[in-house]
């Protein structure tokens, strides 16, 4: 277990047709266990075509966090939707690249707001 206690939380909002999921803290086994059901239900009920997971405030991600992201990617693409990861710092980026998900999911270092303002997201 890591020495420092990091607050973990997740927030959802709909912004211009995008479901934006903002995660704070570590995206590890405990967080994945806490978030998976809620994420799955929200996406299933609303079947959003555009889902953004903003990791700007994520301090650590492990294989279970990668699994959570891949599960939501599969869920969203099963009904023709698109999933984007954004707010990726250097540490998280390395883990994502090693996992191989960067080859199937659009990944951006900018936050959702920065992407929206730059018109990358249309």
N, C-alpha and C. Protein backbone atom coordinates (compact mmCIF):
# COMPACT_ATOMS: atom_id res chain seq x y z
N UNK A 1 0.84 -1.19 0.00
CA UNK A 1 0.00 0.00 0.00
C UNK A 1 0.88 1.24 0.00
N UNK A 2 0.46 2.23 -0.72
CA UNK A 2 1.23 3.47 -0.81
C UNK A 2 1.16 4.22 0.52
N UNK A 3 2.23 4.89 0.87
CA UNK A 3 2.33 5.58 2.15
C UNK A 3 1.38 6.75 2.30
N UNK A 4 1.16 7.52 1.24
CA UNK A 4 0.29 8.68 1.34
C UNK A 4 -1.15 8.28 1.03
N UNK A 5 -2.09 8.87 1.74
CA UNK A 5 -3.49 8.58 1.48
C UNK A 5 -4.01 9.59 0.48
N UNK A 6 -4.49 9.10 -0.62
CA UNK A 6 -4.99 9.96 -1.68
C UNK A 6 -6.50 9.85 -1.71
N UNK A 7 -7.15 11.00 -1.77
CA UNK A 7 -8.60 11.02 -1.86
C UNK A 7 -9.01 10.45 -3.21
N UNK A 8 -9.96 9.55 -3.19
CA UNK A 8 -10.45 8.94 -4.42
C UNK A 8 -11.89 9.38 -4.62
N UNK A 9 -12.16 9.85 -5.81
CA UNK A 9 -13.55 10.18 -6.12
C UNK A 9 -13.74 10.18 -7.62
N UNK A 10 -15.00 10.12 -7.99
CA UNK A 10 -15.36 10.10 -9.39
C UNK A 10 -16.55 11.03 -9.57
N UNK A 11 -16.55 11.77 -10.67
CA UNK A 11 -17.63 12.70 -10.95
C UNK A 11 -18.07 12.51 -12.40
N UNK A 12 -19.36 12.69 -12.63
CA UNK A 12 -19.93 12.56 -13.96
C UNK A 12 -20.62 13.85 -14.32
N UNK A 13 -20.50 14.25 -15.57
CA UNK A 13 -21.30 15.37 -16.06
C UNK A 13 -21.47 15.21 -17.55
N UNK A 14 -22.57 15.75 -18.05
CA UNK A 14 -22.80 15.75 -19.49
C UNK A 14 -22.47 17.16 -19.96
N UNK A 15 -21.59 17.23 -20.96
CA UNK A 15 -21.12 18.51 -21.47
C UNK A 15 -21.16 18.46 -22.99
N UNK A 16 -22.06 19.20 -23.61
CA UNK A 16 -22.21 19.25 -25.07
C UNK A 16 -22.33 17.87 -25.70
N UNK A 17 -23.10 16.99 -25.07
CA UNK A 17 -23.33 15.66 -25.61
C UNK A 17 -22.29 14.62 -25.21
N UNK A 18 -21.25 15.04 -24.53
CA UNK A 18 -20.22 14.13 -24.05
C UNK A 18 -20.53 13.76 -22.61
N UNK A 19 -20.40 12.47 -22.28
CA UNK A 19 -20.38 12.08 -20.88
C UNK A 19 -18.94 12.22 -20.44
N UNK A 20 -18.69 13.12 -19.50
CA UNK A 20 -17.34 13.34 -19.01
C UNK A 20 -17.24 12.69 -17.63
N UNK A 21 -16.29 11.77 -17.51
CA UNK A 21 -16.04 11.07 -16.26
C UNK A 21 -14.71 11.57 -15.74
N UNK A 22 -14.73 12.23 -14.61
CA UNK A 22 -13.52 12.81 -14.02
C UNK A 22 -13.16 11.97 -12.79
N UNK A 23 -11.95 11.43 -12.81
CA UNK A 23 -11.49 10.57 -11.72
C UNK A 23 -10.35 11.27 -10.99
N UNK A 24 -10.40 11.25 -9.67
CA UNK A 24 -9.34 11.83 -8.83
C UNK A 24 -8.70 10.74 -8.00
N UNK A 25 -7.39 10.84 -7.79
CA UNK A 25 -6.68 9.90 -6.93
C UNK A 25 -6.13 8.74 -7.72
N UNK A 26 -5.87 7.64 -7.04
CA UNK A 26 -5.34 6.44 -7.66
C UNK A 26 -6.45 5.66 -8.36
N UNK A 27 -6.14 5.13 -9.53
CA UNK A 27 -7.06 4.24 -10.23
C UNK A 27 -6.48 2.84 -10.11
N UNK A 28 -6.68 2.28 -8.92
CA UNK A 28 -6.11 0.99 -8.57
C UNK A 28 -7.23 -0.02 -8.32
N UNK A 29 -6.89 -1.15 -7.77
CA UNK A 29 -7.86 -2.23 -7.54
C UNK A 29 -9.04 -1.76 -6.68
N UNK A 30 -8.78 -1.04 -5.62
CA UNK A 30 -9.85 -0.57 -4.74
C UNK A 30 -10.77 0.40 -5.47
N UNK A 31 -10.19 1.37 -6.16
CA UNK A 31 -11.00 2.34 -6.90
C UNK A 31 -11.81 1.65 -8.00
N UNK A 32 -11.18 0.74 -8.71
CA UNK A 32 -11.87 0.01 -9.77
C UNK A 32 -13.07 -0.74 -9.21
N UNK A 33 -12.89 -1.40 -8.09
CA UNK A 33 -13.98 -2.11 -7.42
C UNK A 33 -15.11 -1.15 -7.08
N UNK A 34 -14.77 0.05 -6.60
CA UNK A 34 -15.77 1.03 -6.20
C UNK A 34 -16.49 1.66 -7.40
N UNK A 35 -15.80 1.86 -8.51
CA UNK A 35 -16.35 2.61 -9.64
C UNK A 35 -17.01 1.76 -10.72
N UNK A 36 -16.62 0.53 -10.87
CA UNK A 36 -17.02 -0.27 -12.03
C UNK A 36 -18.54 -0.35 -12.20
N UNK A 37 -19.27 -0.72 -11.17
CA UNK A 37 -20.72 -0.89 -11.29
C UNK A 37 -21.40 0.42 -11.67
N UNK A 38 -21.01 1.50 -11.01
CA UNK A 38 -21.63 2.79 -11.29
C UNK A 38 -21.35 3.24 -12.72
N UNK A 39 -20.11 3.11 -13.15
CA UNK A 39 -19.75 3.48 -14.53
C UNK A 39 -20.54 2.66 -15.54
N UNK A 40 -20.56 1.37 -15.33
CA UNK A 40 -21.25 0.47 -16.25
C UNK A 40 -22.72 0.84 -16.36
N UNK A 41 -23.37 1.09 -15.23
CA UNK A 41 -24.80 1.42 -15.22
C UNK A 41 -25.08 2.73 -15.91
N UNK A 42 -24.31 3.77 -15.62
CA UNK A 42 -24.54 5.08 -16.22
C UNK A 42 -24.40 5.02 -17.74
N UNK A 43 -23.37 4.35 -18.20
CA UNK A 43 -23.15 4.24 -19.64
C UNK A 43 -24.24 3.38 -20.28
N UNK A 44 -24.62 2.29 -19.63
CA UNK A 44 -25.63 1.40 -20.18
C UNK A 44 -27.00 2.07 -20.29
N UNK A 45 -27.40 2.75 -19.23
CA UNK A 45 -28.72 3.38 -19.20
C UNK A 45 -28.84 4.47 -20.27
N UNK A 46 -27.81 5.30 -20.40
CA UNK A 46 -27.88 6.46 -21.29
C UNK A 46 -27.31 6.20 -22.68
N UNK A 47 -26.51 5.15 -22.83
CA UNK A 47 -25.86 4.81 -24.09
C UNK A 47 -25.27 6.04 -24.80
N UNK A 48 -24.43 6.74 -24.07
CA UNK A 48 -23.76 7.91 -24.62
C UNK A 48 -22.89 7.50 -25.81
N UNK A 49 -22.92 8.30 -26.86
CA UNK A 49 -22.10 8.03 -28.04
C UNK A 49 -20.69 8.58 -27.88
N UNK A 50 -20.52 9.55 -27.01
CA UNK A 50 -19.22 10.16 -26.78
C UNK A 50 -18.92 10.12 -25.28
N UNK A 51 -17.91 9.35 -24.89
CA UNK A 51 -17.54 9.24 -23.48
C UNK A 51 -16.08 9.66 -23.35
N UNK A 52 -15.84 10.56 -22.41
CA UNK A 52 -14.49 11.05 -22.14
C UNK A 52 -14.15 10.70 -20.70
N UNK A 53 -13.02 10.04 -20.52
CA UNK A 53 -12.52 9.79 -19.16
C UNK A 53 -11.34 10.72 -18.96
N UNK A 54 -11.53 11.69 -18.06
CA UNK A 54 -10.50 12.69 -17.78
C UNK A 54 -9.67 12.23 -16.59
N UNK A 55 -8.41 11.96 -16.84
CA UNK A 55 -7.50 11.45 -15.80
C UNK A 55 -6.55 12.54 -15.29
N UNK A 56 -6.93 13.80 -15.46
CA UNK A 56 -6.06 14.91 -15.05
C UNK A 56 -5.62 14.83 -13.60
N UNK A 57 -6.49 14.31 -12.74
CA UNK A 57 -6.18 14.24 -11.31
C UNK A 57 -5.88 12.82 -10.83
N UNK A 58 -5.60 11.92 -11.77
CA UNK A 58 -5.22 10.56 -11.39
C UNK A 58 -3.72 10.54 -11.13
N UNK A 59 -3.35 10.00 -9.99
CA UNK A 59 -1.95 10.00 -9.57
C UNK A 59 -1.24 8.67 -9.85
N UNK A 60 -2.04 7.62 -10.08
CA UNK A 60 -1.48 6.28 -10.29
C UNK A 60 -2.53 5.43 -10.96
N UNK A 61 -2.10 4.56 -11.88
CA UNK A 61 -3.02 3.60 -12.50
C UNK A 61 -2.32 2.25 -12.57
N UNK A 62 -3.04 1.20 -12.21
CA UNK A 62 -2.47 -0.14 -12.29
C UNK A 62 -3.27 -0.97 -13.29
N UNK A 63 -3.00 -2.26 -13.36
CA UNK A 63 -3.64 -3.12 -14.35
C UNK A 63 -5.16 -3.18 -14.17
N UNK A 64 -5.64 -3.08 -12.95
CA UNK A 64 -7.09 -3.09 -12.76
C UNK A 64 -7.72 -1.80 -13.28
N UNK A 65 -7.01 -0.69 -13.16
CA UNK A 65 -7.48 0.57 -13.74
C UNK A 65 -7.50 0.51 -15.26
N UNK A 66 -6.47 -0.11 -15.83
CA UNK A 66 -6.43 -0.31 -17.28
C UNK A 66 -7.61 -1.19 -17.70
N UNK A 67 -7.88 -2.23 -16.91
CA UNK A 67 -9.01 -3.11 -17.19
C UNK A 67 -10.34 -2.37 -17.14
N UNK A 68 -10.48 -1.45 -16.20
CA UNK A 68 -11.69 -0.65 -16.09
C UNK A 68 -11.88 0.18 -17.36
N UNK A 69 -10.81 0.81 -17.81
CA UNK A 69 -10.87 1.63 -19.02
C UNK A 69 -11.23 0.75 -20.23
N UNK A 70 -10.57 -0.38 -20.37
CA UNK A 70 -10.86 -1.28 -21.50
C UNK A 70 -12.30 -1.79 -21.47
N UNK A 71 -12.80 -2.08 -20.29
CA UNK A 71 -14.18 -2.52 -20.16
C UNK A 71 -15.16 -1.46 -20.62
N UNK A 72 -14.91 -0.20 -20.25
CA UNK A 72 -15.79 0.88 -20.68
C UNK A 72 -15.63 1.13 -22.18
N UNK A 73 -14.42 0.96 -22.72
CA UNK A 73 -14.20 1.08 -24.16
C UNK A 73 -15.06 0.05 -24.89
N UNK A 74 -15.00 -1.20 -24.45
CA UNK A 74 -15.80 -2.26 -25.08
C UNK A 74 -17.29 -1.97 -24.96
N UNK A 75 -17.71 -1.51 -23.81
CA UNK A 75 -19.11 -1.21 -23.58
C UNK A 75 -19.59 -0.11 -24.53
N UNK A 76 -18.84 0.96 -24.64
CA UNK A 76 -19.23 2.11 -25.46
C UNK A 76 -19.19 1.76 -26.95
N UNK A 77 -18.16 1.04 -27.37
CA UNK A 77 -18.05 0.71 -28.80
C UNK A 77 -19.08 -0.35 -29.23
N UNK A 78 -19.58 -1.13 -28.30
CA UNK A 78 -20.60 -2.14 -28.64
C UNK A 78 -21.87 -1.51 -29.19
N UNK A 79 -22.18 -0.28 -28.87
CA UNK A 79 -23.35 0.36 -29.45
C UNK A 79 -22.95 1.56 -30.32
N UNK A 80 -21.73 1.50 -30.86
CA UNK A 80 -21.30 2.50 -31.85
C UNK A 80 -20.78 3.79 -31.27
N UNK A 81 -20.46 3.80 -29.98
CA UNK A 81 -19.94 5.00 -29.35
C UNK A 81 -18.43 5.09 -29.46
N UNK A 82 -17.90 6.17 -28.90
CA UNK A 82 -16.47 6.47 -28.97
C UNK A 82 -15.99 6.88 -27.58
N UNK A 83 -14.87 6.32 -27.15
CA UNK A 83 -14.30 6.64 -25.84
C UNK A 83 -12.95 7.33 -26.03
N UNK A 84 -12.73 8.37 -25.24
CA UNK A 84 -11.49 9.15 -25.28
C UNK A 84 -10.93 9.23 -23.88
N UNK A 85 -9.61 9.09 -23.75
CA UNK A 85 -8.91 9.35 -22.49
C UNK A 85 -8.20 10.68 -22.63
N UNK A 86 -8.28 11.51 -21.61
CA UNK A 86 -7.57 12.78 -21.66
C UNK A 86 -7.00 13.11 -20.29
N UNK A 87 -6.18 14.16 -20.26
CA UNK A 87 -5.56 14.58 -19.01
C UNK A 87 -4.48 13.63 -18.55
N UNK A 88 -3.79 13.03 -19.49
CA UNK A 88 -2.79 12.01 -19.19
C UNK A 88 -1.45 12.66 -18.85
N UNK A 89 -0.96 12.42 -17.63
CA UNK A 89 0.37 12.92 -17.28
C UNK A 89 1.43 11.92 -17.76
N UNK A 90 2.71 12.25 -17.61
CA UNK A 90 3.78 11.42 -18.14
C UNK A 90 3.80 10.02 -17.55
N UNK A 91 3.57 9.92 -16.25
CA UNK A 91 3.58 8.62 -15.58
C UNK A 91 2.43 7.73 -16.08
N UNK A 92 1.25 8.31 -16.14
CA UNK A 92 0.07 7.57 -16.59
C UNK A 92 0.24 7.20 -18.08
N UNK A 93 0.77 8.13 -18.85
CA UNK A 93 0.98 7.90 -20.28
C UNK A 93 1.87 6.68 -20.52
N UNK A 94 2.91 6.56 -19.74
CA UNK A 94 3.83 5.43 -19.89
C UNK A 94 3.09 4.12 -19.63
N UNK A 95 2.30 4.05 -18.58
CA UNK A 95 1.54 2.85 -18.26
C UNK A 95 0.55 2.52 -19.37
N UNK A 96 -0.11 3.54 -19.89
CA UNK A 96 -1.09 3.34 -20.95
C UNK A 96 -0.40 2.85 -22.23
N UNK A 97 0.75 3.39 -22.54
CA UNK A 97 1.48 2.95 -23.73
C UNK A 97 1.95 1.51 -23.58
N UNK A 98 2.48 1.17 -22.42
CA UNK A 98 2.94 -0.20 -22.18
C UNK A 98 1.79 -1.19 -22.28
N UNK A 99 0.61 -0.80 -21.80
CA UNK A 99 -0.55 -1.70 -21.83
C UNK A 99 -1.06 -1.94 -23.24
N UNK A 100 -0.77 -1.04 -24.15
CA UNK A 100 -1.22 -1.18 -25.53
C UNK A 100 -2.56 -0.54 -25.83
N UNK A 101 -3.24 0.01 -24.81
CA UNK A 101 -4.56 0.58 -25.10
C UNK A 101 -4.48 1.89 -25.88
N UNK A 102 -3.31 2.52 -25.88
CA UNK A 102 -3.15 3.75 -26.66
C UNK A 102 -3.28 3.48 -28.16
N UNK A 103 -3.16 2.22 -28.56
CA UNK A 103 -3.29 1.89 -29.98
C UNK A 103 -4.76 1.73 -30.40
N UNK A 104 -5.67 1.63 -29.44
CA UNK A 104 -7.09 1.47 -29.79
C UNK A 104 -7.97 2.61 -29.26
N UNK A 105 -7.49 3.35 -28.27
CA UNK A 105 -8.25 4.44 -27.67
C UNK A 105 -7.52 5.75 -27.94
N UNK A 106 -8.28 6.80 -28.31
CA UNK A 106 -7.68 8.11 -28.48
C UNK A 106 -7.25 8.63 -27.12
N UNK A 107 -5.97 9.02 -27.00
CA UNK A 107 -5.40 9.47 -25.73
C UNK A 107 -4.81 10.86 -25.92
N UNK A 108 -5.16 11.78 -25.02
CA UNK A 108 -4.68 13.15 -25.09
C UNK A 108 -4.10 13.57 -23.75
N UNK A 109 -3.06 14.39 -23.79
CA UNK A 109 -2.49 14.94 -22.56
C UNK A 109 -3.34 16.09 -22.03
N UNK A 110 -4.05 16.78 -22.90
CA UNK A 110 -4.88 17.90 -22.49
C UNK A 110 -6.11 17.43 -21.72
N UNK A 111 -6.62 18.30 -20.85
CA UNK A 111 -7.86 18.00 -20.13
C UNK A 111 -9.04 18.13 -21.08
N UNK A 112 -10.20 17.71 -20.63
CA UNK A 112 -11.41 17.82 -21.46
C UNK A 112 -11.66 19.26 -21.87
N UNK A 113 -11.56 20.18 -20.92
CA UNK A 113 -11.82 21.60 -21.23
C UNK A 113 -10.85 22.12 -22.27
N UNK A 114 -9.57 21.75 -22.17
CA UNK A 114 -8.59 22.17 -23.17
C UNK A 114 -8.92 21.59 -24.53
N UNK A 115 -9.30 20.32 -24.58
CA UNK A 115 -9.67 19.69 -25.84
C UNK A 115 -10.90 20.35 -26.46
N UNK A 116 -11.86 20.62 -25.61
CA UNK A 116 -13.10 21.24 -26.08
C UNK A 116 -12.80 22.63 -26.66
N UNK A 117 -11.97 23.39 -25.98
CA UNK A 117 -11.62 24.74 -26.44
C UNK A 117 -10.77 24.72 -27.70
N UNK A 118 -10.00 23.64 -27.92
CA UNK A 118 -9.15 23.56 -29.10
C UNK A 118 -9.91 22.97 -30.29
N UNK A 119 -11.16 22.61 -30.10
CA UNK A 119 -12.04 22.05 -31.13
C UNK A 119 -11.57 20.69 -31.63
N UNK A 120 -10.78 19.98 -30.83
CA UNK A 120 -10.40 18.60 -31.18
C UNK A 120 -11.65 17.74 -31.08
N UNK A 121 -12.50 18.05 -30.11
CA UNK A 121 -13.73 17.29 -29.91
C UNK A 121 -14.87 18.00 -30.62
N UNK A 122 -15.39 17.38 -31.64
CA UNK A 122 -16.53 17.97 -32.36
C UNK A 122 -17.71 17.05 -32.33
